[in-house]
Amino acid sequence: MKLTEVQFGALKPIDGYGPGFFRVGGEVFQGAVLVTPEGTKPWSGSADPAELLALHGSVDVIFYGAGADVAHPPKALREALEAAGIGLEPMSTSAAARAYNVCLSEGRRIAAALLPV
């Protein structure tokens, strides 16, 4: 079997994460983060949907990493994103990071809103 290394080009994958931090494209971020193909920035969390709604038109789906365990996002957040036509996929943070990297390598229009583990 031949293994092929995933190529991200100029895009920055999620390299790792741990208690309270994320490493994206070699840069370390403390706390919750919003990761998009355009860049990574601190995220204020699910209480304020404005940061995620601002992605309208640039992403089709946001992977919602809820921490160590799967948890549903707040109803108001889910409804606001649905009204804007943005899909929201809740999962654990580890699953969201993996899904983001796979979809990023495929050139999909995605983002990851990640709460720390």
PDB file of N, CA and C in Angstrom:
ATOM      1  N   MET A   1       0.844  -1.166   0.000  1.00  0.00           N
ATOM      2  CA  MET A   1       0.000   0.000   0.000  1.00  0.00           C
ATOM      3  C   MET A   1       0.891   1.230   0.000  1.00  0.00           C
ATOM      4  N   LYS A   2       0.530   2.191  -0.823  1.00  0.00           N
ATOM      5  CA  LYS A   2       1.271   3.441  -0.909  1.00  0.00           C
ATOM      6  C   LYS A   2       0.569   4.502  -0.064  1.00  0.00           C
ATOM      7  N   LEU A   3       1.315   5.162   0.802  1.00  0.00           N
ATOM      8  CA  LEU A   3       0.770   6.249   1.616  1.00  0.00           C
ATOM      9  C   LEU A   3       1.129   7.576   0.982  1.00  0.00           C
ATOM     10  N   THR A   4       0.169   8.463   0.933  1.00  0.00           N
ATOM     11  CA  THR A   4       0.377   9.783   0.373  1.00  0.00           C
ATOM     12  C   THR A   4       0.159  10.812   1.464  1.00  0.00           C
ATOM     13  N   GLU A   5       1.127  11.681   1.650  1.00  0.00           N
ATOM     14  CA  GLU A   5       1.000  12.719   2.672  1.00  0.00           C
ATOM     15  C   GLU A   5       0.006  13.776   2.214  1.00  0.00           C
ATOM     16  N   VAL A   6      -0.844  14.214   3.127  1.00  0.00           N
ATOM     17  CA  VAL A   6      -1.834  15.243   2.809  1.00  0.00           C
ATOM     18  C   VAL A   6      -1.117  16.560   2.592  1.00  0.00           C
ATOM     19  N   GLN A   7      -1.509  17.263   1.540  1.00  0.00           N
ATOM     20  CA  GLN A   7      -0.928  18.556   1.224  1.00  0.00           C
ATOM     21  C   GLN A   7      -1.967  19.646   1.480  1.00  0.00           C
ATOM     22  N   PHE A   8      -1.608  20.641   2.276  1.00  0.00           N
ATOM     23  CA  PHE A   8      -2.521  21.733   2.585  1.00  0.00           C
ATOM     24  C   PHE A   8      -2.152  23.021   1.849  1.00  0.00           C
ATOM     25  N   GLY A   9      -0.996  23.058   1.195  1.00  0.00           N
ATOM     26  CA  GLY A   9      -0.575  24.278   0.524  1.00  0.00           C
ATOM     27  C   GLY A   9      -0.389  25.393   1.529  1.00  0.00           C
ATOM     28  N   ALA A  10      -0.958  26.564   1.245  1.00  0.00           N
ATOM     29  CA  ALA A  10      -0.841  27.716   2.142  1.00  0.00           C
ATOM     30  C   ALA A  10      -1.849  27.663   3.290  1.00  0.00           C
ATOM     31  N   LEU A  11      -2.795  26.734   3.238  1.00  0.00           N
ATOM     32  CA  LEU A  11      -3.804  26.614   4.290  1.00  0.00           C
ATOM     33  C   LEU A  11      -3.187  26.016   5.545  1.00  0.00           C
ATOM     34  N   LYS A  12      -3.743  26.355   6.691  1.00  0.00           N
ATOM     35  CA  LYS A  12      -3.162  25.914   7.966  1.00  0.00           C
ATOM     36  C   LYS A  12      -4.081  24.916   8.661  1.00  0.00           C
ATOM     37  N   PRO A  13      -3.628  23.664   8.779  1.00  0.00           N
ATOM     38  CA  PRO A  13      -4.432  22.660   9.483  1.00  0.00           C
ATOM     39  C   PRO A  13      -4.304  22.799  10.998  1.00  0.00           C
ATOM     40  N   ILE A  14      -5.188  22.107  11.699  1.00  0.00           N
ATOM     41  CA  ILE A  14      -5.104  22.032  13.154  1.00  0.00           C
ATOM     42  C   ILE A  14      -4.062  20.969  13.459  1.00  0.00           C
ATOM     43  N   ASP A  15      -2.915  21.398  14.000  1.00  0.00           N
ATOM     44  CA  ASP A  15      -1.787  20.498  14.264  1.00  0.00           C
ATOM     45  C   ASP A  15      -1.957  19.710  15.551  1.00  0.00           C
ATOM     46  N   GLY A  16      -2.619  20.302  16.534  1.00  0.00           N
ATOM     47  CA  GLY A  16      -2.751  19.634  17.821  1.00  0.00           C
ATOM     48  C   GLY A  16      -3.587  20.459  18.776  1.00  0.00           C
ATOM     49  N   TYR A  17      -3.878  19.847  19.912  1.00  0.00           N
ATOM     50  CA  TYR A  17      -4.656  20.522  20.951  1.00  0.00           C
ATOM     51  C   TYR A  17      -4.398  19.802  22.260  1.00  0.00           C
ATOM     52  N   GLY A  18      -4.705  20.471  23.337  1.00  0.00           N
ATOM     53  CA  GLY A  18      -4.539  19.895  24.667  1.00  0.00           C
ATOM     54  C   GLY A  18      -5.363  20.687  25.654  1.00  0.00           C
ATOM     55  N   PRO A  19      -5.125  20.478  26.929  1.00  0.00           N
ATOM     56  CA  PRO A  19      -5.919  21.178  27.941  1.00  0.00           C
ATOM     57  C   PRO A  19      -5.813  22.704  27.794  1.00  0.00           C
ATOM     58  N   GLY A  20      -6.852  23.308  27.230  1.00  0.00           N
ATOM     59  CA  GLY A  20      -6.924  24.766  27.137  1.00  0.00           C
ATOM     60  C   GLY A  20      -6.208  25.400  25.968  1.00  0.00           C
ATOM     61  N   PHE A  21      -5.656  24.632  25.019  1.00  0.00           N
ATOM     62  CA  PHE A  21      -4.943  25.262  23.904  1.00  0.00           C
ATOM     63  C   PHE A  21      -5.152  24.501  22.602  1.00  0.00           C
ATOM     64  N   PHE A  22      -4.841  25.206  21.500  1.00  0.00           N
ATOM     65  CA  PHE A  22      -4.853  24.626  20.159  1.00  0.00           C
ATOM     66  C   PHE A  22      -3.583  25.080  19.452  1.00  0.00           C
ATOM     67  N   ARG A  23      -3.066  24.228  18.569  1.00  0.00           N
ATOM     68  CA  ARG A  23      -1.939  24.600  17.710  1.00  0.00           C
ATOM     69  C   ARG A  23      -2.439  24.485  16.269  1.00  0.00           C
ATOM     70  N   VAL A  24      -2.453  25.628  15.576  1.00  0.00           N
ATOM     71  CA  VAL A  24      -2.951  25.693  14.206  1.00  0.00           C
ATOM     72  C   VAL A  24      -1.845  26.269  13.334  1.00  0.00           C
ATOM     73  N   GLY A  25      -1.421  25.497  12.350  1.00  0.00           N
ATOM     74  CA  GLY A  25      -0.349  25.956  11.473  1.00  0.00           C
ATOM     75  C   GLY A  25       0.916  26.310  12.224  1.00  0.00           C
ATOM     76  N   GLY A  26       1.172  25.621  13.332  1.00  0.00           N
ATOM     77  CA  GLY A  26       2.379  25.856  14.124  1.00  0.00           C
ATOM     78  C   GLY A  26       2.236  26.945  15.172  1.00  0.00           C
ATOM     79  N   GLU A  27       1.141  27.682  15.170  1.00  0.00           N
ATOM     80  CA  GLU A  27       0.927  28.769  16.133  1.00  0.00           C
ATOM     81  C   GLU A  27       0.007  28.288  17.255  1.00  0.00           C
ATOM     82  N   VAL A  28       0.326  28.641  18.496  1.00  0.00           N
ATOM     83  CA  VAL A  28      -0.454  28.206  19.654  1.00  0.00           C
ATOM     84  C   VAL A  28      -1.474  29.282  20.034  1.00  0.00           C
ATOM     85  N   PHE A  29      -2.708  28.827  20.277  1.00  0.00           N
ATOM     86  CA  PHE A  29      -3.805  29.691  20.712  1.00  0.00           C
ATOM     87  C   PHE A  29      -4.349  29.148  22.023  1.00  0.00           C
ATOM     88  N   GLN A  30      -4.564  30.018  22.988  1.00  0.00           N
ATOM     89  CA  GLN A  30      -5.144  29.635  24.270  1.00  0.00           C
ATOM     90  C   GLN A  30      -6.653  29.830  24.222  1.00  0.00           C
ATOM     91  N   GLY A  31      -7.396  28.914  24.806  1.00  0.00           N
ATOM     92  CA  GLY A  31      -8.846  29.052  24.888  1.00  0.00           C
ATOM     93  C   GLY A  31      -9.541  28.643  23.605  1.00  0.00           C
ATOM     94  N   ALA A  32     -10.814  29.026  23.495  1.00  0.00           N
ATOM     95  CA  ALA A  32     -11.638  28.680  22.335  1.00  0.00           C
ATOM     96  C   ALA A  32     -11.136  29.413  21.092  1.00  0.00           C
ATOM     97  N   VAL A  33     -11.246  28.735  19.933  1.00  0.00           N
ATOM     98  CA  VAL A  33     -10.780  29.328  18.680  1.00  0.00           C
ATOM     99  C   VAL A  33     -11.800  29.126  17.570  1.00  0.00           C
ATOM    100  N   LEU A  34     -11.736  30.007  16.595  1.00  0.00           N
ATOM    101  CA  LEU A  34     -12.489  29.896  15.362  1.00  0.00           C
ATOM    102  C   LEU A  34     -11.457  29.722  14.250  1.00  0.00           C
ATOM    103  N   VAL A  35     -11.514  28.572  13.581  1.00  0.00           N
ATOM    104  CA  VAL A  35     -10.528  28.231  12.554  1.00  0.00           C
ATOM    105  C   VAL A  35     -11.225  28.206  11.200  1.00  0.00           C
ATOM    106  N   THR A  36     -10.715  29.000  10.271  1.00  0.00           N
ATOM    107  CA  THR A  36     -11.237  29.030   8.910  1.00  0.00           C
ATOM    108  C   THR A  36     -10.055  28.924   7.950  1.00  0.00           C
ATOM    109  N   PRO A  37     -10.306  28.637   6.678  1.00  0.00           N
ATOM    110  CA  PRO A  37      -9.187  28.629   5.727  1.00  0.00           C
ATOM    111  C   PRO A  37      -8.475  29.987   5.647  1.00  0.00           C
ATOM    112  N   GLU A  38      -9.155  31.065   6.030  1.00  0.00           N
ATOM    113  CA  GLU A  38      -8.543  32.397   5.993  1.00  0.00           C
ATOM    114  C   GLU A  38      -7.677  32.691   7.206  1.00  0.00           C
ATOM    115  N   GLY A  39      -7.836  31.924   8.283  1.00  0.00           N
ATOM    116  CA  GLY A  39      -7.034  32.162   9.468  1.00  0.00           C
ATOM    117  C   GLY A  39      -7.703  31.657  10.736  1.00  0.00           C
ATOM    118  N   THR A  40      -7.007  31.859  11.844  1.00  0.00           N
ATOM    119  CA  THR A  40      -7.469  31.410  13.154  1.00  0.00           C
ATOM    120  C   THR A  40      -7.473  32.596  14.096  1.00  0.00           C
ATOM    121  N   LYS A  41      -8.514  32.666  14.931  1.00  0.00           N
ATOM    122  CA  LYS A  41      -8.588  33.753  15.906  1.00  0.00           C
ATOM    123  C   LYS A  41      -9.284  33.237  17.150  1.00  0.00           C
ATOM    124  N   PRO A  42      -9.073  33.914  18.265  1.00  0.00           N
ATOM    125  CA  PRO A  42      -9.809  33.540  19.483  1.00  0.00           C
ATOM    126  C   PRO A  42     -11.310  33.662  19.230  1.00  0.00           C
ATOM    127  N   TRP A  43     -12.063  32.787  19.872  1.00  0.00           N
ATOM    128  CA  TRP A  43     -13.517  32.771  19.714  1.00  0.00           C
ATOM    129  C   TRP A  43     -14.157  33.004  21.071  1.00  0.00           C
ATOM    130  N   SER A  44     -15.159  33.875  21.123  1.00  0.00           N
ATOM    131  CA  SER A  44     -15.797  34.202  22.401  1.00  0.00           C
ATOM    132  C   SER A  44     -16.750  33.116  22.879  1.00  0.00           C
ATOM    133  N   GLY A  45     -17.009  32.122  22.065  1.00  0.00           N
ATOM    134  CA  GLY A  45     -17.860  31.005  22.470  1.00  0.00           C
ATOM    135  C   GLY A  45     -19.259  31.093  21.897  1.00  0.00           C
ATOM    136  N   SER A  46     -20.062  30.133  22.261  1.00  0.00           N
ATOM    137  CA  SER A  46     -21.367  29.968  21.634  1.00  0.00           C
ATOM    138  C   SER A  46     -22.430  30.971  22.076  1.00  0.00           C
ATOM    139  N   ALA A  47     -22.155  31.783  23.075  1.00  0.00           N
ATOM    140  CA  ALA A  47     -23.155  32.747  23.559  1.00  0.00           C
ATOM    141  C   ALA A  47     -23.409  33.866  22.552  1.00  0.00           C
ATOM    142  N   ASP A  48     -22.426  34.164  21.692  1.00  0.00           N
ATOM    143  CA  ASP A  48     -22.560  35.253  20.728  1.00  0.00           C
ATOM    144  C   ASP A  48     -22.424  34.694  19.311  1.00  0.00           C
ATOM    145  N   PRO A  49     -23.528  34.574  18.579  1.00  0.00           N
ATOM    146  CA  PRO A  49     -23.462  33.989  17.239  1.00  0.00           C
ATOM    147  C   PRO A  49     -22.870  34.912  16.168  1.00  0.00           C
ATOM    148  N   ALA A  50     -22.618  36.170  16.489  1.00  0.00           N
ATOM    149  CA  ALA A  50     -22.174  37.141  15.481  1.00  0.00           C
ATOM    150  C   ALA A  50     -20.911  36.707  14.752  1.00  0.00           C
ATOM    151  N   GLU A  51     -19.931  36.177  15.479  1.00  0.00           N
ATOM    152  CA  GLU A  51     -18.676  35.763  14.831  1.00  0.00           C
ATOM    153  C   GLU A  51     -18.913  34.651  13.815  1.00  0.00           C
ATOM    154  N   LEU A  52     -19.808  33.735  14.132  1.00  0.00           N
ATOM    155  CA  LEU A  52     -20.091  32.643  13.210  1.00  0.00           C
ATOM    156  C   LEU A  52     -20.971  33.115  12.056  1.00  0.00           C
ATOM    157  N   LEU A  53     -21.923  34.000  12.334  1.00  0.00           N
ATOM    158  CA  LEU A  53     -22.776  34.533  11.272  1.00  0.00           C
ATOM    159  C   LEU A  53     -21.984  35.364  10.271  1.00  0.00           C
ATOM    160  N   ALA A  54     -20.875  35.952  10.717  1.00  0.00           N
ATOM    161  CA  ALA A  54     -20.023  36.738   9.822  1.00  0.00           C
ATOM    162  C   ALA A  54     -19.381  35.864   8.743  1.00  0.00           C
ATOM    163  N   LEU A  55     -19.411  34.543   8.918  1.00  0.00           N
ATOM    164  CA  LEU A  55     -18.844  33.621   7.930  1.00  0.00           C
ATOM    165  C   LEU A  55     -19.805  33.336   6.776  1.00  0.00           C
ATOM    166  N   HIS A  56     -21.009  33.905   6.852  1.00  0.00           N
ATOM    167  CA  HIS A  56     -22.012  33.695   5.799  1.00  0.00           C
ATOM    168  C   HIS A  56     -21.416  34.039   4.432  1.00  0.00           C
ATOM    169  N   GLY A  57     -21.574  33.140   3.497  1.00  0.00           N
ATOM    170  CA  GLY A  57     -21.055  33.348   2.152  1.00  0.00           C
ATOM    171  C   GLY A  57     -19.669  32.774   1.930  1.00  0.00           C
ATOM    172  N   SER A  58     -18.919  32.528   3.005  1.00  0.00           N
ATOM    173  CA  SER A  58     -17.568  31.984   2.837  1.00  0.00           C
ATOM    174  C   SER A  58     -17.452  30.532   3.288  1.00  0.00           C
ATOM    175  N   VAL A  59     -18.418  30.054   4.085  1.00  0.00           N
ATOM    176  CA  VAL A  59     -18.396  28.648   4.509  1.00  0.00           C
ATOM    177  C   VAL A  59     -19.794  28.051   4.357  1.00  0.00           C
ATOM    178  N   ASP A  60     -19.825  26.742   4.168  1.00  0.00           N
ATOM    179  CA  ASP A  60     -21.099  26.029   4.083  1.00  0.00           C
ATOM    180  C   ASP A  60     -21.438  25.337   5.400  1.00  0.00           C
ATOM    181  N   VAL A  61     -20.389  24.885   6.105  1.00  0.00           N
ATOM    182  CA  VAL A  61     -20.568  24.122   7.333  1.00  0.00           C
ATOM    183  C   VAL A  61     -19.546  24.570   8.372  1.00  0.00           C
ATOM    184  N   ILE A  62     -20.000  24.620   9.621  1.00  0.00           N
ATOM    185  CA  ILE A  62     -19.111  24.875  10.750  1.00  0.00           C
ATOM    186  C   ILE A  62     -19.121  23.635  11.631  1.00  0.00           C
ATOM    187  N   PHE A  63     -17.933  23.086  11.885  1.00  0.00           N
ATOM    188  CA  PHE A  63     -17.808  21.974  12.821  1.00  0.00           C
ATOM    189  C   PHE A  63     -17.718  22.582  14.221  1.00  0.00           C
ATOM    190  N   TYR A  64     -18.658  22.215  15.076  1.00  0.00           N
ATOM    191  CA  TYR A  64     -18.753  22.762  16.424  1.00  0.00           C
ATOM    192  C   TYR A  64     -18.130  21.761  17.390  1.00  0.00           C
ATOM    193  N   GLY A  65     -16.919  22.041  17.843  1.00  0.00           N
ATOM    194  CA  GLY A  65     -16.239  21.185  18.810  1.00  0.00           C
ATOM    195  C   GLY A  65     -16.616  21.607  20.214  1.00  0.00           C
ATOM    196  N   ALA A  66     -17.399  20.765  20.894  1.00  0.00           N
ATOM    197  CA  ALA A  66     -17.996  21.124  22.181  1.00  0.00           C
ATOM    198  C   ALA A  66     -17.135  20.777  23.386  1.00  0.00           C
ATOM    199  N   GLY A  67     -15.885  20.415  23.186  1.00  0.00           N
ATOM    200  CA  GLY A  67     -15.025  20.024  24.293  1.00  0.00           C
ATOM    201  C   GLY A  67     -14.743  18.540  24.239  1.00  0.00           C
ATOM    202  N   ALA A  68     -14.492  17.944  25.396  1.00  0.00           N
ATOM    203  CA  ALA A  68     -14.128  16.527  25.450  1.00  0.00           C
ATOM    204  C   ALA A  68     -15.275  15.611  25.041  1.00  0.00           C
ATOM    205  N   ASP A  69     -16.494  16.034  25.262  1.00  0.00           N
ATOM    206  CA  ASP A  69     -17.663  15.217  24.942  1.00  0.00           C
ATOM    207  C   ASP A  69     -18.557  15.939  23.948  1.00  0.00           C
ATOM    208  N   VAL A  70     -19.385  15.170  23.269  1.00  0.00           N
ATOM    209  CA  VAL A  70     -20.350  15.760  22.354  1.00  0.00           C
ATOM    210  C   VAL A  70     -21.433  16.464  23.167  1.00  0.00           C
ATOM    211  N   ALA A  71     -21.736  17.675  22.784  1.00  0.00           N
ATOM    212  CA  ALA A  71     -22.819  18.432  23.418  1.00  0.00           C
ATOM    213  C   ALA A  71     -23.480  19.280  22.340  1.00  0.00           C
ATOM    214  N   HIS A  72     -24.755  19.463  22.460  1.00  0.00           N
ATOM    215  CA  HIS A  72     -25.466  20.271  21.473  1.00  0.00           C
ATOM    216  C   HIS A  72     -25.218  21.752  21.722  1.00  0.00           C
ATOM    217  N   PRO A  73     -25.076  22.516  20.651  1.00  0.00           N
ATOM    218  CA  PRO A  73     -24.912  23.966  20.814  1.00  0.00           C
ATOM    219  C   PRO A  73     -26.216  24.579  21.312  1.00  0.00           C
ATOM    220  N   PRO A  74     -26.146  25.775  21.860  1.00  0.00           N
ATOM    221  CA  PRO A  74     -27.369  26.447  22.308  1.00  0.00           C
ATOM    222  C   PRO A  74     -28.370  26.589  21.152  1.00  0.00           C
ATOM    223  N   LYS A  75     -29.625  26.466  21.487  1.00  0.00           N
ATOM    224  CA  LYS A  75     -30.694  26.517  20.482  1.00  0.00           C
ATOM    225  C   LYS A  75     -30.644  27.819  19.677  1.00  0.00           C
ATOM    226  N   ALA A  76     -30.406  28.945  20.341  1.00  0.00           N
ATOM    227  CA  ALA A  76     -30.370  30.241  19.650  1.00  0.00           C
ATOM    228  C   ALA A  76     -29.254  30.276  18.606  1.00  0.00           C
ATOM    229  N   LEU A  77     -28.106  29.700  18.916  1.00  0.00           N
ATOM    230  CA  LEU A  77     -26.992  29.657  17.965  1.00  0.00           C
ATOM    231  C   LEU A  77     -27.366  28.805  16.760  1.00  0.00           C
ATOM    232  N   ARG A  78     -27.884  27.631  17.023  1.00  0.00           N
ATOM    233  CA  ARG A  78     -28.264  26.717  15.941  1.00  0.00           C
ATOM    234  C   ARG A  78     -29.305  27.365  15.029  1.00  0.00           C
ATOM    235  N   GLU A  79     -30.329  27.969  15.617  1.00  0.00           N
ATOM    236  CA  GLU A  79     -31.378  28.593  14.826  1.00  0.00           C
ATOM    237  C   GLU A  79     -30.871  29.775  14.006  1.00  0.00           C
ATOM    238  N   ALA A  80     -29.994  30.586  14.578  1.00  0.00           N
ATOM    239  CA  ALA A  80     -29.441  31.734  13.854  1.00  0.00           C
ATOM    240  C   ALA A  80     -28.628  31.277  12.645  1.00  0.00           C
ATOM    241  N   LEU A  81     -27.826  30.238  12.828  1.00  0.00           N
ATOM    242  CA  LEU A  81     -27.017  29.735  11.714  1.00  0.00           C
ATOM    243  C   LEU A  81     -27.893  29.075  10.645  1.00  0.00           C
ATOM    244  N   GLU A  82     -28.890  28.329  11.062  1.00  0.00           N
ATOM    245  CA  GLU A  82     -29.812  27.716  10.098  1.00  0.00           C
ATOM    246  C   GLU A  82     -30.506  28.785   9.263  1.00  0.00           C
ATOM    247  N   ALA A  83     -30.953  29.865   9.898  1.00  0.00           N
ATOM    248  CA  ALA A  83     -31.619  30.955   9.188  1.00  0.00           C
ATOM    249  C   ALA A  83     -30.686  31.611   8.171  1.00  0.00           C
ATOM    250  N   ALA A  84     -29.381  31.616   8.468  1.00  0.00           N
ATOM    251  CA  ALA A  84     -28.399  32.201   7.559  1.00  0.00           C
ATOM    252  C   ALA A  84     -27.928  31.216   6.494  1.00  0.00           C
ATOM    253  N   GLY A  85     -28.385  29.967   6.573  1.00  0.00           N
ATOM    254  CA  GLY A  85     -27.982  28.968   5.583  1.00  0.00           C
ATOM    255  C   GLY A  85     -26.628  28.348   5.841  1.00  0.00           C
ATOM    256  N   ILE A  86     -26.175  28.386   7.082  1.00  0.00           N
ATOM    257  CA  ILE A  86     -24.884  27.797   7.452  1.00  0.00           C
ATOM    258  C   ILE A  86     -25.158  26.538   8.262  1.00  0.00           C
ATOM    259  N   GLY A  87     -24.591  25.418   7.823  1.00  0.00           N
ATOM    260  CA  GLY A  87     -24.752  24.172   8.556  1.00  0.00           C
ATOM    261  C   GLY A  87     -23.891  24.161   9.804  1.00  0.00           C
ATOM    262  N   LEU A  88     -24.379  23.532  10.848  1.00  0.00           N
ATOM    263  CA  LEU A  88     -23.639  23.411  12.102  1.00  0.00           C
ATOM    264  C   LEU A  88     -23.620  21.946  12.506  1.00  0.00           C
ATOM    265  N   GLU A  89     -22.425  21.373  12.619  1.00  0.00           N
ATOM    266  CA  GLU A  89     -22.265  19.961  12.958  1.00  0.00           C
ATOM    267  C   GLU A  89     -21.639  19.834  14.340  1.00  0.00           C
ATOM    268  N   PRO A  90     -22.423  19.528  15.365  1.00  0.00           N
ATOM    269  CA  PRO A  90     -21.863  19.377  16.712  1.00  0.00           C
ATOM    270  C   PRO A  90     -21.154  18.036  16.868  1.00  0.00           C
ATOM    271  N   MET A  91     -20.016  18.065  17.536  1.00  0.00           N
ATOM    272  CA  MET A  91     -19.226  16.868  17.815  1.00  0.00           C
ATOM    273  C   MET A  91     -18.215  17.212  18.895  1.00  0.00           C
ATOM    274  N   SER A  92     -17.453  16.231  19.330  1.00  0.00           N
ATOM    275  CA  SER A  92     -16.396  16.533  20.296  1.00  0.00           C
ATOM    276  C   SER A  92     -15.328  17.370  19.590  1.00  0.00           C
ATOM    277  N   THR A  93     -14.526  18.068  20.377  1.00  0.00           N
ATOM    278  CA  THR A  93     -13.481  18.895  19.792  1.00  0.00           C
ATOM    279  C   THR A  93     -12.483  18.062  19.003  1.00  0.00           C
ATOM    280  N   SER A  94     -12.116  16.893  19.504  1.00  0.00           N
ATOM    281  CA  SER A  94     -11.158  16.052  18.771  1.00  0.00           C
ATOM    282  C   SER A  94     -11.724  15.635  17.424  1.00  0.00           C
ATOM    283  N   ALA A  95     -12.995  15.246  17.369  1.00  0.00           N
ATOM    284  CA  ALA A  95     -13.618  14.862  16.099  1.00  0.00           C
ATOM    285  C   ALA A  95     -13.726  16.063  15.164  1.00  0.00           C
ATOM    286  N   ALA A  96     -14.045  17.232  15.698  1.00  0.00           N
ATOM    287  CA  ALA A  96     -14.164  18.433  14.877  1.00  0.00           C
ATOM    288  C   ALA A  96     -12.822  18.817  14.260  1.00  0.00           C
ATOM    289  N   ALA A  97     -11.743  18.682  15.022  1.00  0.00           N
ATOM    290  CA  ALA A  97     -10.411  18.998  14.495  1.00  0.00           C
ATOM    291  C   ALA A  97     -10.046  18.048  13.350  1.00  0.00           C
ATOM    292  N   ARG A  98     -10.312  16.772  13.536  1.00  0.00           N
ATOM    293  CA  ARG A  98     -10.018  15.794  12.469  1.00  0.00           C
ATOM    294  C   ARG A  98     -10.871  16.065  11.235  1.00  0.00           C
ATOM    295  N   ALA A  99     -12.166  16.289  11.432  1.00  0.00           N
ATOM    296  CA  ALA A  99     -13.058  16.543  10.299  1.00  0.00           C
ATOM    297  C   ALA A  99     -12.646  17.812   9.550  1.00  0.00           C
ATOM    298  N   TYR A 100     -12.260  18.843  10.292  1.00  0.00           N
ATOM    299  CA  TYR A 100     -11.812  20.087   9.664  1.00  0.00           C
ATOM    300  C   TYR A 100     -10.609  19.824   8.767  1.00  0.00           C
ATOM    301  N   ASN A 101      -9.619  19.100   9.277  1.00  0.00           N
ATOM    302  CA  ASN A 101      -8.415  18.839   8.492  1.00  0.00           C
ATOM    303  C   ASN A 101      -8.716  18.043   7.227  1.00  0.00           C
ATOM    304  N   VAL A 102      -9.563  17.040   7.334  1.00  0.00           N
ATOM    305  CA  VAL A 102      -9.909  16.236   6.157  1.00  0.00           C
ATOM    306  C   VAL A 102     -10.609  17.099   5.117  1.00  0.00           C
ATOM    307  N   CYS A 103     -11.609  17.845   5.547  1.00  0.00           N
ATOM    308  CA  CYS A 103     -12.361  18.684   4.612  1.00  0.00           C
ATOM    309  C   CYS A 103     -11.504  19.823   4.052  1.00  0.00           C
ATOM    310  N   LEU A 104     -10.595  20.356   4.853  1.00  0.00           N
ATOM    311  CA  LEU A 104      -9.678  21.388   4.384  1.00  0.00           C
ATOM    312  C   LEU A 104      -8.806  20.846   3.254  1.00  0.00           C
ATOM    313  N   SER A 105      -8.307  19.619   3.419  1.00  0.00           N
ATOM    314  CA  SER A 105      -7.456  19.021   2.383  1.00  0.00           C
ATOM    315  C   SER A 105      -8.238  18.753   1.097  1.00  0.00           C
ATOM    316  N   GLU A 106      -9.556  18.651   1.200  1.00  0.00           N
ATOM    317  CA  GLU A 106     -10.414  18.437   0.033  1.00  0.00           C
ATOM    318  C   GLU A 106     -10.876  19.746  -0.598  1.00  0.00           C
ATOM    319  N   GLY A 107     -10.486  20.865  -0.025  1.00  0.00           N
ATOM    320  CA  GLY A 107     -10.853  22.162  -0.572  1.00  0.00           C
ATOM    321  C   GLY A 107     -12.277  22.588  -0.282  1.00  0.00           C
ATOM    322  N   ARG A 108     -12.880  22.041   0.741  1.00  0.00           N
ATOM    323  CA  ARG A 108     -14.263  22.385   1.073  1.00  0.00           C
ATOM    324  C   ARG A 108     -14.347  23.713   1.830  1.00  0.00           C
ATOM    325  N   ARG A 109     -15.513  24.319   1.778  1.00  0.00           N
ATOM    326  CA  ARG A 109     -15.773  25.617   2.433  1.00  0.00           C
ATOM    327  C   ARG A 109     -16.270  25.356   3.848  1.00  0.00           C
ATOM    328  N   ILE A 110     -15.328  25.229   4.782  1.00  0.00           N
ATOM    329  CA  ILE A 110     -15.658  24.835   6.143  1.00  0.00           C
ATOM    330  C   ILE A 110     -14.955  25.735   7.150  1.00  0.00           C
ATOM    331  N   ALA A 111     -15.426  25.639   8.385  1.00  0.00           N
ATOM    332  CA  ALA A 111     -14.781  26.323   9.517  1.00  0.00           C
ATOM    333  C   ALA A 111     -14.946  25.403  10.722  1.00  0.00           C
ATOM    334  N   ALA A 112     -14.157  25.670  11.761  1.00  0.00           N
ATOM    335  CA  ALA A 112     -14.281  24.932  13.013  1.00  0.00           C
ATOM    336  C   ALA A 112     -14.346  25.936  14.165  1.00  0.00           C
ATOM    337  N   ALA A 113     -15.388  25.820  14.957  1.00  0.00           N
ATOM    338  CA  ALA A 113     -15.540  26.617  16.178  1.00  0.00           C
ATOM    339  C   ALA A 113     -15.280  25.643  17.325  1.00  0.00           C
ATOM    340  N   LEU A 114     -14.141  25.813  17.990  1.00  0.00           N
ATOM    341  CA  LEU A 114     -13.671  24.812  18.926  1.00  0.00           C
ATOM    342  C   LEU A 114     -13.562  25.322  20.364  1.00  0.00           C
ATOM    343  N   LEU A 115     -14.211  24.600  21.256  1.00  0.00           N
ATOM    344  CA  LEU A 115     -14.049  24.842  22.691  1.00  0.00           C
ATOM    345  C   LEU A 115     -12.922  23.936  23.176  1.00  0.00           C
ATOM    346  N   PRO A 116     -12.091  24.392  24.105  1.00  0.00           N
ATOM    347  CA  PRO A 116     -10.964  23.573  24.557  1.00  0.00           C
ATOM    348  C   PRO A 116     -11.409  22.310  25.301  1.00  0.00           C
ATOM    349  N   VAL A 117     -10.523  21.324  25.270  1.00  0.00           N
ATOM    350  CA  VAL A 117     -10.779  20.075  25.997  1.00  0.00           C
ATOM    351  C   VAL A 117     -10.280  20.216  27.422  1.00  0.00           C
TER     352      VAL A 117
END
